[in-house]
Amino acid sequence: LSTFSLTWQQALLTNCCLLVITSTLELRGWGEDVRGFTEDAFLYACLHWVDHLQGVDIANASFLVKPIKDFLSFHVDSWVENTRDRRDFDVREKLLLIADCMEVSCALFDRASLGN
């Protein structure tokens, strides 16, 4: 995969957004002050990581599966809480897009593990 492909760049942005979200939520959990740049990055990441995910060819970005599964297991409730009151953000729509992506990735990895 080309380093400069748009789908690869979207995969990298998705991963960066997930890192910002999880790191910020962990810092908040420890009582750290995350205002300023970190808060701006957190808001961007919360609002746009799924948009970046939509531009990813998950078959060529398998490194995203674990971070997405971890996010869904440990941080999705906090993400929903931080985005649900925004008029311009449809949490339900984003959750459906994530589910579609994860369904595709699971199907790909199931086939790979069966040797098909």
C-alpha atoms as a PDB file:
ATOM      1  CA  LEU A   1       0.000   0.000   0.000  1.00  0.00           C
ATOM      2  CA  SER A   2       1.368   3.382  -0.961  1.00  0.00           C
ATOM      3  CA  THR A   3       2.364   5.624   1.916  1.00  0.00           C
ATOM      4  CA  PHE A   4       0.554   8.476   0.175  1.00  0.00           C
ATOM      5  CA  SER A   5      -2.724   6.724  -0.613  1.00  0.00           C
ATOM      6  CA  LEU A   6      -5.788   8.512   0.696  1.00  0.00           C
ATOM      7  CA  THR A   7      -7.218   5.361   2.265  1.00  0.00           C
ATOM      8  CA  TRP A   8      -3.961   4.816   4.151  1.00  0.00           C
ATOM      9  CA  GLN A   9      -3.980   8.424   5.353  1.00  0.00           C
ATOM     10  CA  GLN A  10      -7.568   7.971   6.544  1.00  0.00           C
ATOM     11  CA  ALA A  11      -6.493   4.841   8.432  1.00  0.00           C
ATOM     12  CA  LEU A  12      -3.686   6.754  10.133  1.00  0.00           C
ATOM     13  CA  LEU A  13      -6.043   9.605  11.045  1.00  0.00           C
ATOM     14  CA  THR A  14      -8.559   7.110  12.444  1.00  0.00           C
ATOM     15  CA  ASN A  15      -5.852   5.566  14.591  1.00  0.00           C
ATOM     16  CA  CYS A  16      -4.618   8.973  15.796  1.00  0.00           C
ATOM     17  CA  CYS A  17      -8.159  10.033  16.713  1.00  0.00           C
ATOM     18  CA  LEU A  18      -8.688   6.834  18.712  1.00  0.00           C
ATOM     19  CA  LEU A  19      -5.399   7.435  20.529  1.00  0.00           C
ATOM     20  CA  VAL A  20      -6.404  11.007  21.390  1.00  0.00           C
ATOM     21  CA  ILE A  21      -9.822   9.904  22.651  1.00  0.00           C
ATOM     22  CA  THR A  22      -8.555   7.042  24.800  1.00  0.00           C
ATOM     23  CA  SER A  23      -5.608   9.031  26.177  1.00  0.00           C
ATOM     24  CA  THR A  24      -7.777  12.016  27.052  1.00  0.00           C
ATOM     25  CA  LEU A  25     -10.395   9.856  28.759  1.00  0.00           C
ATOM     26  CA  GLU A  26      -7.663   8.132  30.776  1.00  0.00           C
ATOM     27  CA  LEU A  27      -6.141  11.478  31.795  1.00  0.00           C
ATOM     28  CA  ARG A  28      -9.576  12.742  32.852  1.00  0.00           C
ATOM     29  CA  GLY A  29     -10.037   9.564  34.859  1.00  0.00           C
ATOM     30  CA  TRP A  30      -6.823  10.354  36.730  1.00  0.00           C
ATOM     31  CA  GLY A  31      -8.105  13.866  37.482  1.00  0.00           C
ATOM     32  CA  GLU A  32      -5.796  15.618  35.019  1.00  0.00           C
ATOM     33  CA  ASP A  33      -6.739  18.982  33.506  1.00  0.00           C
ATOM     34  CA  VAL A  34      -7.080  18.497  29.739  1.00  0.00           C
ATOM     35  CA  ARG A  35      -8.244  21.953  28.685  1.00  0.00           C
ATOM     36  CA  GLY A  36      -6.615  23.815  25.827  1.00  0.00           C
ATOM     37  CA  PHE A  37      -4.966  21.987  22.941  1.00  0.00           C
ATOM     38  CA  THR A  38      -5.742  18.556  24.333  1.00  0.00           C
ATOM     39  CA  GLU A  39      -9.426  19.414  24.689  1.00  0.00           C
ATOM     40  CA  ASP A  40      -9.557  20.785  21.126  1.00  0.00           C
ATOM     41  CA  ALA A  41      -7.880  17.646  19.787  1.00  0.00           C
ATOM     42  CA  PHE A  42     -10.257  15.512  21.862  1.00  0.00           C
ATOM     43  CA  LEU A  43     -13.321  17.255  20.431  1.00  0.00           C
ATOM     44  CA  TYR A  44     -12.017  16.900  16.861  1.00  0.00           C
ATOM     45  CA  ALA A  45     -11.224  13.224  17.438  1.00  0.00           C
ATOM     46  CA  CYS A  46     -14.661  12.517  18.956  1.00  0.00           C
ATOM     47  CA  LEU A  47     -16.491  14.198  16.108  1.00  0.00           C
ATOM     48  CA  HIS A  48     -14.436  12.953  13.157  1.00  0.00           C
ATOM     49  CA  TRP A  49     -12.846   9.555  13.817  1.00  0.00           C
ATOM     50  CA  VAL A  50     -15.791   7.710  12.282  1.00  0.00           C
ATOM     51  CA  ASP A  51     -15.658   9.987   9.231  1.00  0.00           C
ATOM     52  CA  HIS A  52     -12.028   9.020   8.757  1.00  0.00           C
ATOM     53  CA  LEU A  53     -12.918   5.359   9.302  1.00  0.00           C
ATOM     54  CA  GLN A  54     -15.390   5.553   6.430  1.00  0.00           C
ATOM     55  CA  GLY A  55     -12.505   6.349   4.095  1.00  0.00           C
ATOM     56  CA  VAL A  56     -10.515   3.267   5.154  1.00  0.00           C
ATOM     57  CA  ASP A  57     -10.169   0.040   3.216  1.00  0.00           C
ATOM     58  CA  ILE A  58     -10.275  -2.118   6.338  1.00  0.00           C
ATOM     59  CA  ALA A  59      -8.909  -5.121   4.435  1.00  0.00           C
ATOM     60  CA  ASN A  60      -5.646  -3.179   4.035  1.00  0.00           C
ATOM     61  CA  ALA A  61      -5.686  -1.594   7.486  1.00  0.00           C
ATOM     62  CA  SER A  62      -6.099  -4.570   9.790  1.00  0.00           C
ATOM     63  CA  PHE A  63      -4.055  -2.747  12.458  1.00  0.00           C
ATOM     64  CA  LEU A  64      -7.228  -0.751  13.221  1.00  0.00           C
ATOM     65  CA  VAL A  65      -9.334  -3.718  14.285  1.00  0.00           C
ATOM     66  CA  LYS A  66      -7.855  -4.051  17.789  1.00  0.00           C
ATOM     67  CA  PRO A  67      -7.935  -0.304  18.620  1.00  0.00           C
ATOM     68  CA  ILE A  68     -11.554  -0.113  17.429  1.00  0.00           C
ATOM     69  CA  LYS A  69     -12.557  -3.187  19.430  1.00  0.00           C
ATOM     70  CA  ASP A  70     -10.778  -1.802  22.511  1.00  0.00           C
ATOM     71  CA  PHE A  71     -12.495   1.552  22.030  1.00  0.00           C
ATOM     72  CA  LEU A  72     -15.887  -0.132  21.744  1.00  0.00           C
ATOM     73  CA  SER A  73     -15.182  -2.274  24.810  1.00  0.00           C
ATOM     74  CA  PHE A  74     -13.843   0.427  27.128  1.00  0.00           C
ATOM     75  CA  HIS A  75     -14.626   3.939  25.862  1.00  0.00           C
ATOM     76  CA  VAL A  76     -17.756   4.003  23.719  1.00  0.00           C
ATOM     77  CA  ASP A  77     -19.995   5.077  26.631  1.00  0.00           C
ATOM     78  CA  SER A  78     -17.796   8.091  27.382  1.00  0.00           C
ATOM     79  CA  TRP A  79     -17.625   8.943  23.671  1.00  0.00           C
ATOM     80  CA  VAL A  80     -21.420   8.880  23.409  1.00  0.00           C
ATOM     81  CA  GLU A  81     -21.671  11.019  26.549  1.00  0.00           C
ATOM     82  CA  ASN A  82     -19.246  13.587  25.089  1.00  0.00           C
ATOM     83  CA  THR A  83     -21.043  13.821  21.727  1.00  0.00           C
ATOM     84  CA  ARG A  84     -24.744  13.194  22.332  1.00  0.00           C
ATOM     85  CA  ASP A  85     -25.716  16.809  23.083  1.00  0.00           C
ATOM     86  CA  ARG A  86     -24.277  18.200  19.855  1.00  0.00           C
ATOM     87  CA  ARG A  87     -27.030  19.172  17.421  1.00  0.00           C
ATOM     88  CA  ASP A  88     -24.777  18.605  14.404  1.00  0.00           C
ATOM     89  CA  PHE A  89     -23.729  15.084  15.420  1.00  0.00           C
ATOM     90  CA  ASP A  90     -25.841  11.940  15.065  1.00  0.00           C
ATOM     91  CA  VAL A  91     -24.402   9.379  17.496  1.00  0.00           C
ATOM     92  CA  ARG A  92     -26.765   6.658  16.299  1.00  0.00           C
ATOM     93  CA  GLU A  93     -25.660   7.110  12.688  1.00  0.00           C
ATOM     94  CA  LYS A  94     -22.004   6.950  13.714  1.00  0.00           C
ATOM     95  CA  LEU A  95     -22.575   3.772  15.742  1.00  0.00           C
ATOM     96  CA  LEU A  96     -24.225   2.143  12.724  1.00  0.00           C
ATOM     97  CA  LEU A  97     -21.254   3.103  10.533  1.00  0.00           C
ATOM     98  CA  ILE A  98     -18.848   1.590  13.082  1.00  0.00           C
ATOM     99  CA  ALA A  99     -20.934  -1.589  13.193  1.00  0.00           C
ATOM    100  CA  ASP A 100     -20.853  -1.844   9.393  1.00  0.00           C
ATOM    101  CA  CYS A 101     -17.097  -1.438   9.352  1.00  0.00           C
ATOM    102  CA  MET A 102     -16.558  -3.992  12.097  1.00  0.00           C
ATOM    103  CA  GLU A 103     -18.885  -6.455  10.372  1.00  0.00           C
ATOM    104  CA  VAL A 104     -16.804  -6.195   7.206  1.00  0.00           C
ATOM    105  CA  SER A 105     -13.544  -6.570   9.118  1.00  0.00           C
ATOM    106  CA  CYS A 106     -14.795  -9.612  11.040  1.00  0.00           C
ATOM    107  CA  ALA A 107     -15.952 -11.262   7.825  1.00  0.00           C
ATOM    108  CA  LEU A 108     -12.547 -10.647   6.215  1.00  0.00           C
ATOM    109  CA  PHE A 109     -10.632 -12.016   9.173  1.00  0.00           C
ATOM    110  CA  ASP A 110     -12.940 -15.024   9.541  1.00  0.00           C
ATOM    111  CA  ARG A 111     -12.286 -15.928   5.898  1.00  0.00           C
ATOM    112  CA  ALA A 112      -8.545 -15.455   6.359  1.00  0.00           C
ATOM    113  CA  SER A 113      -8.492 -17.702   9.405  1.00  0.00           C
ATOM    114  CA  LEU A 114     -10.381 -20.406   7.473  1.00  0.00           C
ATOM    115  CA  GLY A 115      -7.860 -20.192   4.655  1.00  0.00           C
ATOM    116  CA  ASN A 116     -10.370 -18.974   2.050  1.00  0.00           C
END
